[in-house]
Amino acid sequence: MQKAKSDIIRFIKQSTGQDLSKYDEDFLNQTLEERIKGAGFQILRDYYAFLKVHPEETKNLVRSFNITYSEFFRDPLVFALLKQWILPSFFSKKDNSEKNEIRIWSAAAAAGQEAYSLAMLIDHLKMFYHSNTTVQIFASDICLSEIEKAKEGSYPVDQLQKIPSKYLNEYFYPNGKCYKLIPRIRESVDFSIYDILDTKTISPPDSIYGSFDLIYCSNLFIYYNAKIRNQIVQKLKKNLTNGGLLITGDSEGEILAKYKLHAVCPPAAIFQKETTPEYQ
């Protein structure tokens, strides 16, 4: 079985350029197993033989590794802290500084649910606090189809269950069988295609220079092996300002412990970059 799996990994890399060995072993095995059964096979070696002569199945296999799950207001505790403490403190600090701008990056944004959750919350809080701080939200994903969905900003009813009713009434309107975000919220997020594993760039080109006060990257590390996780965390950390915050999935805290990122309010998955002198 190990030989057949290695052959599949090598074949996929040669034929598509995609390196499946970057994924966590359990996730890799589970995804392969599901795809093998979906194609009607039970033995990995038989599936490999089929894969080599059916290009469409090669596309299906690679597509099955795309991690595109997301949801609005995904972690209630995190968003409660953002609303009651984190964002108000950002506004207070920035409103009284020369650089009154907050920069946010929603990495691996999928169809934009998390980025738009932040946008709605920020829009509401800015009006409440009468803040004059500018907020820039950048959102990126490697999947073109997901980014296109995000830019459209239209979602079926079953994806709106966690949205507070006042936000649903204020920021959405009926759009056929879906509900669509109002233009002000859609236009407040800058969506772009970006591979977070790209070693030639430090941040999405649209953001120009990175330097984010807040990065939202939930449940991404768990899908990759230790080497790739390290690469991702180091990139996100470099993109954070001094004292900047990284929001992850609630099961990813142990991964971040060795990177000088400390939990600011356990058990919430919010981690802060250590403050270092700006000039040394």
C-alpha atoms as a PDB file:
ATOM      1  CA  MET A   1       0.000   0.000   0.000  1.00  0.00           C
ATOM      2  CA  GLN A   2       2.819   2.422   0.883  1.00  0.00           C
ATOM      3  CA  LYS A   3       4.460   1.813  -2.501  1.00  0.00           C
ATOM      4  CA  ALA A   4       1.185   2.515  -4.337  1.00  0.00           C
ATOM      5  CA  LYS A   5       0.611   5.688  -2.310  1.00  0.00           C
ATOM      6  CA  SER A   6       4.134   6.908  -3.078  1.00  0.00           C
ATOM      7  CA  ASP A   7       3.550   6.166  -6.771  1.00  0.00           C
ATOM      8  CA  ILE A   8       0.329   8.193  -6.708  1.00  0.00           C
ATOM      9  CA  ILE A   9       2.033  11.133  -4.996  1.00  0.00           C
ATOM     10  CA  ARG A  10       4.863  11.044  -7.546  1.00  0.00           C
ATOM     11  CA  PHE A  11       2.449  10.741 -10.494  1.00  0.00           C
ATOM     12  CA  ILE A  12       0.305  13.663  -9.326  1.00  0.00           C
ATOM     13  CA  LYS A  13       3.342  15.880  -8.881  1.00  0.00           C
ATOM     14  CA  GLN A  14       4.682  14.992 -12.324  1.00  0.00           C
ATOM     15  CA  SER A  15       1.348  15.440 -14.106  1.00  0.00           C
ATOM     16  CA  THR A  16      -0.089  18.456 -12.262  1.00  0.00           C
ATOM     17  CA  GLY A  17       2.700  20.005 -10.216  1.00  0.00           C
ATOM     18  CA  GLN A  18       0.715  19.452  -7.011  1.00  0.00           C
ATOM     19  CA  ASP A  19       2.715  17.949  -4.142  1.00  0.00           C
ATOM     20  CA  LEU A  20       0.398  15.796  -2.025  1.00  0.00           C
ATOM     21  CA  SER A  21       3.223  14.952   0.372  1.00  0.00           C
ATOM     22  CA  LYS A  22       2.782  18.401   1.980  1.00  0.00           C
ATOM     23  CA  TYR A  23      -0.403  17.242   3.691  1.00  0.00           C
ATOM     24  CA  ASP A  24      -0.759  15.722   7.130  1.00  0.00           C
ATOM     25  CA  GLU A  25      -0.510  11.926   6.895  1.00  0.00           C
ATOM     26  CA  ASP A  26      -3.948  11.260   8.390  1.00  0.00           C
ATOM     27  CA  PHE A  27      -5.626  13.822   6.118  1.00  0.00           C
ATOM     28  CA  LEU A  28      -3.780  12.440   3.098  1.00  0.00           C
ATOM     29  CA  ASN A  29      -4.823   8.848   3.834  1.00  0.00           C
ATOM     30  CA  GLN A  30      -8.421   9.788   4.571  1.00  0.00           C
ATOM     31  CA  THR A  31      -8.785  11.859   1.392  1.00  0.00           C
ATOM     32  CA  LEU A  32      -7.205   9.143  -0.748  1.00  0.00           C
ATOM     33  CA  GLU A  33      -9.483   6.522   0.757  1.00  0.00           C
ATOM     34  CA  GLU A  34     -12.592   8.581   0.090  1.00  0.00           C
ATOM     35  CA  ARG A  35     -11.556   9.289  -3.507  1.00  0.00           C
ATOM     36  CA  ILE A  36     -10.697   5.620  -4.147  1.00  0.00           C
ATOM     37  CA  LYS A  37     -14.116   4.506  -2.937  1.00  0.00           C
ATOM     38  CA  GLY A  38     -15.762   7.301  -4.900  1.00  0.00           C
ATOM     39  CA  ALA A  39     -14.111   6.028  -8.058  1.00  0.00           C
ATOM     40  CA  GLY A  40     -15.347   2.496  -7.355  1.00  0.00           C
ATOM     41  CA  PHE A  41     -12.131   0.839  -6.207  1.00  0.00           C
ATOM     42  CA  GLN A  42     -11.012  -0.937  -3.048  1.00  0.00           C
ATOM     43  CA  ILE A  43      -7.327  -1.551  -3.732  1.00  0.00           C
ATOM     44  CA  LEU A  44      -4.936   1.383  -3.980  1.00  0.00           C
ATOM     45  CA  ARG A  45      -2.811  -0.261  -6.691  1.00  0.00           C
ATOM     46  CA  ASP A  46      -5.892  -0.725  -8.913  1.00  0.00           C
ATOM     47  CA  TYR A  47      -6.843   2.909  -8.399  1.00  0.00           C
ATOM     48  CA  TYR A  48      -3.343   4.008  -9.362  1.00  0.00           C
ATOM     49  CA  ALA A  49      -3.557   2.037 -12.632  1.00  0.00           C
ATOM     50  CA  PHE A  50      -6.905   3.710 -13.363  1.00  0.00           C
ATOM     51  CA  LEU A  51      -5.559   7.146 -12.454  1.00  0.00           C
ATOM     52  CA  LYS A  52      -2.707   6.951 -14.961  1.00  0.00           C
ATOM     53  CA  VAL A  53      -5.060   6.584 -17.946  1.00  0.00           C
ATOM     54  CA  HIS A  54      -7.945   8.823 -16.830  1.00  0.00           C
ATOM     55  CA  PRO A  55      -6.922  12.511 -16.715  1.00  0.00           C
ATOM     56  CA  GLU A  56     -10.333  13.520 -15.414  1.00  0.00           C
ATOM     57  CA  GLU A  57      -9.822  11.404 -12.303  1.00  0.00           C
ATOM     58  CA  THR A  58      -6.472  13.111 -11.780  1.00  0.00           C
ATOM     59  CA  LYS A  59      -8.349  16.427 -11.645  1.00  0.00           C
ATOM     60  CA  ASN A  60     -10.930  14.933  -9.277  1.00  0.00           C
ATOM     61  CA  LEU A  61      -8.230  13.692  -6.917  1.00  0.00           C
ATOM     62  CA  VAL A  62      -6.399  17.027  -6.784  1.00  0.00           C
ATOM     63  CA  ARG A  63      -9.708  18.853  -6.339  1.00  0.00           C
ATOM     64  CA  SER A  64     -10.594  16.634  -3.385  1.00  0.00           C
ATOM     65  CA  PHE A  65      -7.665  18.122  -1.439  1.00  0.00           C
ATOM     66  CA  ASN A  66      -9.005  21.665  -1.765  1.00  0.00           C
ATOM     67  CA  ILE A  67      -9.908  22.891   1.719  1.00  0.00           C
ATOM     68  CA  THR A  68     -12.793  25.288   1.173  1.00  0.00           C
ATOM     69  CA  TYR A  69     -15.019  24.906   4.230  1.00  0.00           C
ATOM     70  CA  SER A  70     -15.926  28.091   6.053  1.00  0.00           C
ATOM     71  CA  GLU A  71     -18.893  29.650   7.830  1.00  0.00           C
ATOM     72  CA  PHE A  72     -20.126  32.971   9.140  1.00  0.00           C
ATOM     73  CA  PHE A  73     -19.214  33.872  12.736  1.00  0.00           C
ATOM     74  CA  ARG A  74     -17.491  30.519  12.956  1.00  0.00           C
ATOM     75  CA  ASP A  75     -16.320  30.670  16.571  1.00  0.00           C
ATOM     76  CA  PRO A  76     -18.829  32.457  18.863  1.00  0.00           C
ATOM     77  CA  LEU A  77     -16.255  33.033  21.627  1.00  0.00           C
ATOM     78  CA  VAL A  78     -13.743  34.597  19.239  1.00  0.00           C
ATOM     79  CA  PHE A  79     -16.327  36.934  17.744  1.00  0.00           C
ATOM     80  CA  ALA A  80     -17.631  37.879  21.187  1.00  0.00           C
ATOM     81  CA  LEU A  81     -14.098  38.902  22.168  1.00  0.00           C
ATOM     82  CA  LEU A  82     -13.622  40.770  18.911  1.00  0.00           C
ATOM     83  CA  LYS A  83     -16.834  42.698  19.509  1.00  0.00           C
ATOM     84  CA  GLN A  84     -16.485  43.437  23.211  1.00  0.00           C
ATOM     85  CA  TRP A  85     -12.743  43.938  23.610  1.00  0.00           C
ATOM     86  CA  ILE A  86     -10.325  43.531  20.693  1.00  0.00           C
ATOM     87  CA  LEU A  87     -11.853  45.750  18.007  1.00  0.00           C
ATOM     88  CA  PRO A  88     -12.940  48.507  20.440  1.00  0.00           C
ATOM     89  CA  SER A  89      -9.346  48.617  21.762  1.00  0.00           C
ATOM     90  CA  PHE A  90      -8.062  48.824  18.182  1.00  0.00           C
ATOM     91  CA  PHE A  91     -10.367  51.776  17.478  1.00  0.00           C
ATOM     92  CA  SER A  92      -9.378  53.522  20.685  1.00  0.00           C
ATOM     93  CA  LYS A  93      -5.680  53.143  19.924  1.00  0.00           C
ATOM     94  CA  LYS A  94      -5.861  54.038  16.232  1.00  0.00           C
ATOM     95  CA  ASP A  95      -8.276  56.961  16.654  1.00  0.00           C
ATOM     96  CA  ASN A  96      -5.656  58.619  18.835  1.00  0.00           C
ATOM     97  CA  SER A  97      -2.634  57.926  16.648  1.00  0.00           C
ATOM     98  CA  GLU A  98      -1.174  59.457  13.517  1.00  0.00           C
ATOM     99  CA  LYS A  99      -1.604  56.192  11.625  1.00  0.00           C
ATOM    100  CA  ASN A 100      -5.319  55.650  12.129  1.00  0.00           C
ATOM    101  CA  GLU A 101      -5.629  52.530  10.023  1.00  0.00           C
ATOM    102  CA  ILE A 102      -6.383  48.913  10.915  1.00  0.00           C
ATOM    103  CA  ARG A 103      -5.141  46.252   8.487  1.00  0.00           C
ATOM    104  CA  ILE A 104      -6.690  42.781   8.495  1.00  0.00           C
ATOM    105  CA  TRP A 105      -5.937  39.661   6.459  1.00  0.00           C
ATOM    106  CA  SER A 106      -8.350  36.753   6.174  1.00  0.00           C
ATOM    107  CA  ALA A 107      -6.031  34.015   4.903  1.00  0.00           C
ATOM    108  CA  ALA A 108      -7.480  30.877   3.276  1.00  0.00           C
ATOM    109  CA  ALA A 109     -10.762  32.791   3.098  1.00  0.00           C
ATOM    110  CA  ALA A 110     -12.694  30.237   1.009  1.00  0.00           C
ATOM    111  CA  ALA A 111     -15.988  31.843  -0.107  1.00  0.00           C
ATOM    112  CA  GLY A 112     -15.531  34.844   2.162  1.00  0.00           C
ATOM    113  CA  GLN A 113     -17.740  33.987   5.130  1.00  0.00           C
ATOM    114  CA  GLU A 114     -15.148  34.820   7.786  1.00  0.00           C
ATOM    115  CA  ALA A 115     -13.920  37.962   6.033  1.00  0.00           C
ATOM    116  CA  TYR A 116     -17.478  39.239   5.672  1.00  0.00           C
ATOM    117  CA  SER A 117     -18.215  38.369   9.306  1.00  0.00           C
ATOM    118  CA  LEU A 118     -15.363  40.689  10.270  1.00  0.00           C
ATOM    119  CA  ALA A 119     -16.577  43.334   7.820  1.00  0.00           C
ATOM    120  CA  MET A 120     -20.107  43.364   9.256  1.00  0.00           C
ATOM    121  CA  LEU A 121     -18.856  43.466  12.827  1.00  0.00           C
ATOM    122  CA  ILE A 122     -16.450  46.298  12.054  1.00  0.00           C
ATOM    123  CA  ASP A 123     -19.070  48.301  10.179  1.00  0.00           C
ATOM    124  CA  HIS A 124     -21.428  48.023  13.141  1.00  0.00           C
ATOM    125  CA  LEU A 125     -18.756  48.934  15.711  1.00  0.00           C
ATOM    126  CA  LYS A 126     -17.414  51.886  13.723  1.00  0.00           C
ATOM    127  CA  MET A 127     -20.844  53.463  13.743  1.00  0.00           C
ATOM    128  CA  PHE A 128     -21.356  52.658  17.424  1.00  0.00           C
ATOM    129  CA  TYR A 129     -18.027  54.173  18.502  1.00  0.00           C
ATOM    130  CA  HIS A 130     -18.103  56.976  15.905  1.00  0.00           C
ATOM    131  CA  SER A 131     -14.607  55.893  14.905  1.00  0.00           C
ATOM    132  CA  ASN A 132     -12.733  57.709  12.147  1.00  0.00           C
ATOM    133  CA  THR A 133     -10.207  54.882  11.765  1.00  0.00           C
ATOM    134  CA  THR A 134      -9.831  53.387   8.292  1.00  0.00           C
ATOM    135  CA  VAL A 135     -10.135  49.606   8.125  1.00  0.00           C
ATOM    136  CA  GLN A 136      -8.672  47.602   5.257  1.00  0.00           C
ATOM    137  CA  ILE A 137      -9.670  43.958   4.984  1.00  0.00           C
ATOM    138  CA  PHE A 138      -7.757  41.725   2.589  1.00  0.00           C
ATOM    139  CA  ALA A 139      -8.977  38.185   1.952  1.00  0.00           C
ATOM    140  CA  SER A 140      -7.221  35.536  -0.105  1.00  0.00           C
ATOM    141  CA  ASP A 141      -7.575  31.944  -1.199  1.00  0.00           C
ATOM    142  CA  ILE A 142      -5.839  29.709  -3.718  1.00  0.00           C
ATOM    143  CA  CYS A 143      -9.123  28.564  -5.273  1.00  0.00           C
ATOM    144  CA  LEU A 144     -10.446  30.798  -8.069  1.00  0.00           C
ATOM    145  CA  SER A 145     -14.010  29.476  -7.874  1.00  0.00           C
ATOM    146  CA  GLU A 146     -14.189  30.232  -4.142  1.00  0.00           C
ATOM    147  CA  ILE A 147     -12.877  33.768  -4.627  1.00  0.00           C
ATOM    148  CA  GLU A 148     -15.474  34.341  -7.347  1.00  0.00           C
ATOM    149  CA  LYS A 149     -18.207  33.203  -4.937  1.00  0.00           C
ATOM    150  CA  ALA A 150     -16.799  35.513  -2.286  1.00  0.00           C
ATOM    151  CA  LYS A 151     -16.838  38.536  -4.585  1.00  0.00           C
ATOM    152  CA  GLU A 152     -20.450  37.766  -5.505  1.00  0.00           C
ATOM    153  CA  GLY A 153     -21.374  37.792  -1.800  1.00  0.00           C
ATOM    154  CA  SER A 154     -24.515  35.690  -2.259  1.00  0.00           C
ATOM    155  CA  TYR A 155     -25.220  32.737   0.058  1.00  0.00           C
ATOM    156  CA  PRO A 156     -27.971  30.130   0.496  1.00  0.00           C
ATOM    157  CA  VAL A 157     -30.134  30.357   3.600  1.00  0.00           C
ATOM    158  CA  ASP A 158     -28.585  27.286   5.234  1.00  0.00           C
ATOM    159  CA  GLN A 159     -25.233  29.124   5.452  1.00  0.00           C
ATOM    160  CA  LEU A 160     -26.687  32.075   7.359  1.00  0.00           C
ATOM    161  CA  GLN A 161     -27.746  30.341  10.562  1.00  0.00           C
ATOM    162  CA  LYS A 162     -25.025  31.824  12.805  1.00  0.00           C
ATOM    163  CA  ILE A 163     -25.444  35.408  11.627  1.00  0.00           C
ATOM    164  CA  PRO A 164     -27.081  37.632  14.294  1.00  0.00           C
ATOM    165  CA  SER A 165     -30.562  38.629  13.148  1.00  0.00           C
ATOM    166  CA  LYS A 166     -29.785  42.353  13.295  1.00  0.00           C
ATOM    167  CA  TYR A 167     -26.845  41.839  10.923  1.00  0.00           C
ATOM    168  CA  LEU A 168     -28.929  39.665   8.624  1.00  0.00           C
ATOM    169  CA  ASN A 169     -31.605  42.359   8.414  1.00  0.00           C
ATOM    170  CA  GLU A 170     -29.137  45.222   8.022  1.00  0.00           C
ATOM    171  CA  TYR A 171     -26.550  43.754   5.678  1.00  0.00           C
ATOM    172  CA  PHE A 172     -28.375  41.233   3.452  1.00  0.00           C
ATOM    173  CA  TYR A 173     -31.228  41.350   0.974  1.00  0.00           C
ATOM    174  CA  PRO A 174     -33.092  38.542  -0.842  1.00  0.00           C
ATOM    175  CA  ASN A 175     -31.468  37.464  -4.098  1.00  0.00           C
ATOM    176  CA  GLY A 176     -33.448  34.636  -5.693  1.00  0.00           C
ATOM    177  CA  LYS A 177     -33.034  31.566  -3.480  1.00  0.00           C
ATOM    178  CA  CYS A 178     -30.106  33.203  -1.682  1.00  0.00           C
ATOM    179  CA  TYR A 179     -29.346  36.291   0.362  1.00  0.00           C
ATOM    180  CA  LYS A 180     -26.797  38.802  -0.880  1.00  0.00           C
ATOM    181  CA  LEU A 181     -24.631  41.215   1.071  1.00  0.00           C
ATOM    182  CA  ILE A 182     -25.201  44.912   0.480  1.00  0.00           C
ATOM    183  CA  PRO A 183     -22.611  46.679  -1.717  1.00  0.00           C
ATOM    184  CA  ARG A 184     -21.011  48.577   1.189  1.00  0.00           C
ATOM    185  CA  ILE A 185     -19.959  45.342   2.881  1.00  0.00           C
ATOM    186  CA  ARG A 186     -18.925  43.577  -0.336  1.00  0.00           C
ATOM    187  CA  GLU A 187     -16.776  46.530  -1.325  1.00  0.00           C
ATOM    188  CA  SER A 188     -15.103  46.696   2.083  1.00  0.00           C
ATOM    189  CA  VAL A 189     -13.197  43.444   1.459  1.00  0.00           C
ATOM    190  CA  ASP A 190     -10.425  43.136  -1.115  1.00  0.00           C
ATOM    191  CA  PHE A 191     -10.474  39.524  -2.387  1.00  0.00           C
ATOM    192  CA  SER A 192      -7.565  38.036  -4.321  1.00  0.00           C
ATOM    193  CA  ILE A 193      -6.130  34.687  -5.371  1.00  0.00           C
ATOM    194  CA  TYR A 194      -3.046  33.850  -3.350  1.00  0.00           C
ATOM    195  CA  ASP A 195      -1.172  30.686  -2.412  1.00  0.00           C
ATOM    196  CA  ILE A 196      -0.180  30.943   1.233  1.00  0.00           C
ATOM    197  CA  LEU A 197       2.554  28.360   0.530  1.00  0.00           C
ATOM    198  CA  ASP A 198       4.210  30.595  -2.068  1.00  0.00           C
ATOM    199  CA  THR A 199       7.802  30.989  -0.886  1.00  0.00           C
ATOM    200  CA  LYS A 200       8.539  33.872  -3.267  1.00  0.00           C
ATOM    201  CA  THR A 201       6.138  36.321  -1.615  1.00  0.00           C
ATOM    202  CA  ILE A 202       5.507  37.271   1.995  1.00  0.00           C
ATOM    203  CA  SER A 203       1.894  38.465   1.645  1.00  0.00           C
ATOM    204  CA  PRO A 204      -0.897  38.842  -0.939  1.00  0.00           C
ATOM    205  CA  PRO A 205       0.336  41.320  -3.596  1.00  0.00           C
ATOM    206  CA  ASP A 206      -2.884  43.340  -3.256  1.00  0.00           C
ATOM    207  CA  SER A 207      -1.939  44.174   0.333  1.00  0.00           C
ATOM    208  CA  ILE A 208       1.325  45.698  -1.006  1.00  0.00           C
ATOM    209  CA  TYR A 209       3.368  45.374   2.179  1.00  0.00           C
ATOM    210  CA  GLY A 210       1.565  43.097   4.644  1.00  0.00           C
ATOM    211  CA  SER A 211       1.938  44.515   8.159  1.00  0.00           C
ATOM    212  CA  PHE A 212      -1.399  43.368   9.568  1.00  0.00           C
ATOM    213  CA  ASP A 213      -2.887  44.160  12.960  1.00  0.00           C
ATOM    214  CA  LEU A 214      -5.064  41.047  12.748  1.00  0.00           C
ATOM    215  CA  ILE A 215      -4.811  37.851  10.718  1.00  0.00           C
ATOM    216  CA  TYR A 216      -7.669  35.355  10.614  1.00  0.00           C
ATOM    217  CA  CYS A 217      -6.508  31.882   9.554  1.00  0.00           C
ATOM    218  CA  SER A 218      -8.757  29.227  11.043  1.00  0.00           C
ATOM    219  CA  ASN A 219      -8.242  25.454  10.799  1.00  0.00           C
ATOM    220  CA  LEU A 220      -5.596  25.454   8.094  1.00  0.00           C
ATOM    221  CA  PHE A 221      -2.506  24.183   9.923  1.00  0.00           C
ATOM    222  CA  ILE A 222      -4.147  20.870  10.816  1.00  0.00           C
ATOM    223  CA  TYR A 223      -4.213  19.769   7.181  1.00  0.00           C
ATOM    224  CA  TYR A 224      -0.455  20.031   6.610  1.00  0.00           C
ATOM    225  CA  ASN A 225       2.648  18.230   7.792  1.00  0.00           C
ATOM    226  CA  ALA A 226       4.991  19.790  10.353  1.00  0.00           C
ATOM    227  CA  LYS A 227       7.364  21.313   7.775  1.00  0.00           C
ATOM    228  CA  ILE A 228       4.577  23.087   5.906  1.00  0.00           C
ATOM    229  CA  ARG A 229       2.871  24.175   9.138  1.00  0.00           C
ATOM    230  CA  ASN A 230       6.122  25.818  10.168  1.00  0.00           C
ATOM    231  CA  GLN A 231       6.325  27.603   6.820  1.00  0.00           C
ATOM    232  CA  ILE A 232       2.769  28.923   7.147  1.00  0.00           C
ATOM    233  CA  VAL A 233       3.130  30.062  10.765  1.00  0.00           C
ATOM    234  CA  GLN A 234       6.417  31.825  10.040  1.00  0.00           C
ATOM    235  CA  LYS A 235       4.847  33.675   7.108  1.00  0.00           C
ATOM    236  CA  LEU A 236       1.836  34.763   9.148  1.00  0.00           C
ATOM    237  CA  LYS A 237       4.031  35.824  12.040  1.00  0.00           C
ATOM    238  CA  LYS A 238       6.225  37.960   9.773  1.00  0.00           C
ATOM    239  CA  ASN A 239       3.067  39.650   8.496  1.00  0.00           C
ATOM    240  CA  LEU A 240       1.895  40.667  11.965  1.00  0.00           C
ATOM    241  CA  THR A 241       2.680  44.067  13.420  1.00  0.00           C
ATOM    242  CA  ASN A 242       4.259  44.258  16.867  1.00  0.00           C
ATOM    243  CA  GLY A 243       1.601  42.973  19.235  1.00  0.00           C
ATOM    244  CA  GLY A 244      -0.593  41.905  16.292  1.00  0.00           C
ATOM    245  CA  LEU A 245      -3.147  39.138  16.710  1.00  0.00           C
ATOM    246  CA  LEU A 246      -3.514  35.795  14.928  1.00  0.00           C
ATOM    247  CA  ILE A 247      -6.852  33.958  15.089  1.00  0.00           C
ATOM    248  CA  THR A 248      -6.761  30.220  14.352  1.00  0.00           C
ATOM    249  CA  GLY A 249      -8.876  27.151  14.947  1.00  0.00           C
ATOM    250  CA  ASP A 250      -9.513  26.101  18.549  1.00  0.00           C
ATOM    251  CA  SER A 251      -7.534  22.869  18.045  1.00  0.00           C
ATOM    252  CA  GLU A 252      -4.382  24.589  16.797  1.00  0.00           C
ATOM    253  CA  GLY A 253      -3.068  26.157  20.001  1.00  0.00           C
ATOM    254  CA  GLU A 254      -0.360  23.553  20.603  1.00  0.00           C
ATOM    255  CA  ILE A 255       1.037  24.158  17.126  1.00  0.00           C
ATOM    256  CA  LEU A 256       1.614  27.842  17.929  1.00  0.00           C
ATOM    257  CA  ALA A 257       3.146  27.415  21.384  1.00  0.00           C
ATOM    258  CA  LYS A 258       6.750  27.269  20.127  1.00  0.00           C
ATOM    259  CA  TYR A 259       6.508  30.351  17.910  1.00  0.00           C
ATOM    260  CA  LYS A 260       6.469  33.077  20.591  1.00  0.00           C
ATOM    261  CA  LEU A 261       2.776  33.587  20.024  1.00  0.00           C
ATOM    262  CA  HIS A 262       0.843  33.474  23.267  1.00  0.00           C
ATOM    263  CA  ALA A 263      -2.869  32.968  23.843  1.00  0.00           C
ATOM    264  CA  VAL A 264      -4.396  36.266  24.953  1.00  0.00           C
ATOM    265  CA  CYS A 265      -7.635  34.886  26.335  1.00  0.00           C
ATOM    266  CA  PRO A 266      -7.733  31.064  26.632  1.00  0.00           C
ATOM    267  CA  PRO A 267      -9.565  28.999  25.564  1.00  0.00           C
ATOM    268  CA  ALA A 268     -10.225  31.344  22.632  1.00  0.00           C
ATOM    269  CA  ALA A 269      -7.907  30.667  19.684  1.00  0.00           C
ATOM    270  CA  ILE A 270      -6.468  34.206  19.638  1.00  0.00           C
ATOM    271  CA  PHE A 271      -2.690  34.563  19.775  1.00  0.00           C
ATOM    272  CA  GLN A 272      -0.502  37.638  20.039  1.00  0.00           C
ATOM    273  CA  LYS A 273       2.895  38.259  18.501  1.00  0.00           C
ATOM    274  CA  GLU A 274       5.455  39.330  21.057  1.00  0.00           C
ATOM    275  CA  THR A 275       6.242  43.006  20.962  1.00  0.00           C
ATOM    276  CA  THR A 276       9.816  43.728  19.905  1.00  0.00           C
ATOM    277  CA  PRO A 277      11.675  47.035  19.548  1.00  0.00           C
ATOM    278  CA  GLU A 278      10.977  48.614  16.159  1.00  0.00           C
ATOM    279  CA  TYR A 279      14.557  49.875  15.935  1.00  0.00           C
ATOM    280  CA  GLN A 280      17.529  47.905  17.170  1.00  0.00           C
END
